[in-house]
Amino acid sequence: MGKSEKVNENDDTMVEEDTETKSYEELSENLSPIANPLASEKLAKKLYKTIKKASKKKMVRRGVKEIQKFVRKGETGFVVFAGDITPIEVMCHLPCVCEENKIPYAYVPSKRDLGSATGIKRPTCCIMVKPHEEYQEVYDKCFSSLKSMPLPI
């Protein structure tokens, strides 16, 4: 059993390396139909950078249950979803929850990149970034960019 676990770890590592070498356009081919609004390549890089800074200060919320709980409690920030989640039913209600609470959100193409931006190896389907004075300038740029994106119909 330990051997198969090791093989699975190696498989995950190989997939992770393949994902890193894929371009933004290649990653965008595997998106779910509800992944709208999709962040541009430039905005996605800004979002990943902001997420890295926020995770160092422990100002991120990860995962469907945690984000849903804190959004409904009234926490502020912005949310970034991965567009390649399957099955999409796991988190398809969260964009509506964000819209009801006036929290801006966007999709990025890869759950692996989203997870690695937080400093963990595990892929993540959604992240909420909360404001903090140490990265406030970058946060404000991302927040205003997400606010100006058109919401899906």
Foldseek 3Di string as FASTA:
>chain_A
DVVVVVVVVVVLVVVLVVVVPDDQVVLQVQFDPVQPPADDPVLVVLVLQLLLVQLVVPQKFFDQVRVLVVLVVPAAFAKEFEGNDPPPVRRPCPVVSCVVSVHFYHYGRFQQSVQVSSVDRDGTGMMGGHDDPVCNVSRVVSRVVRNPGDDDD
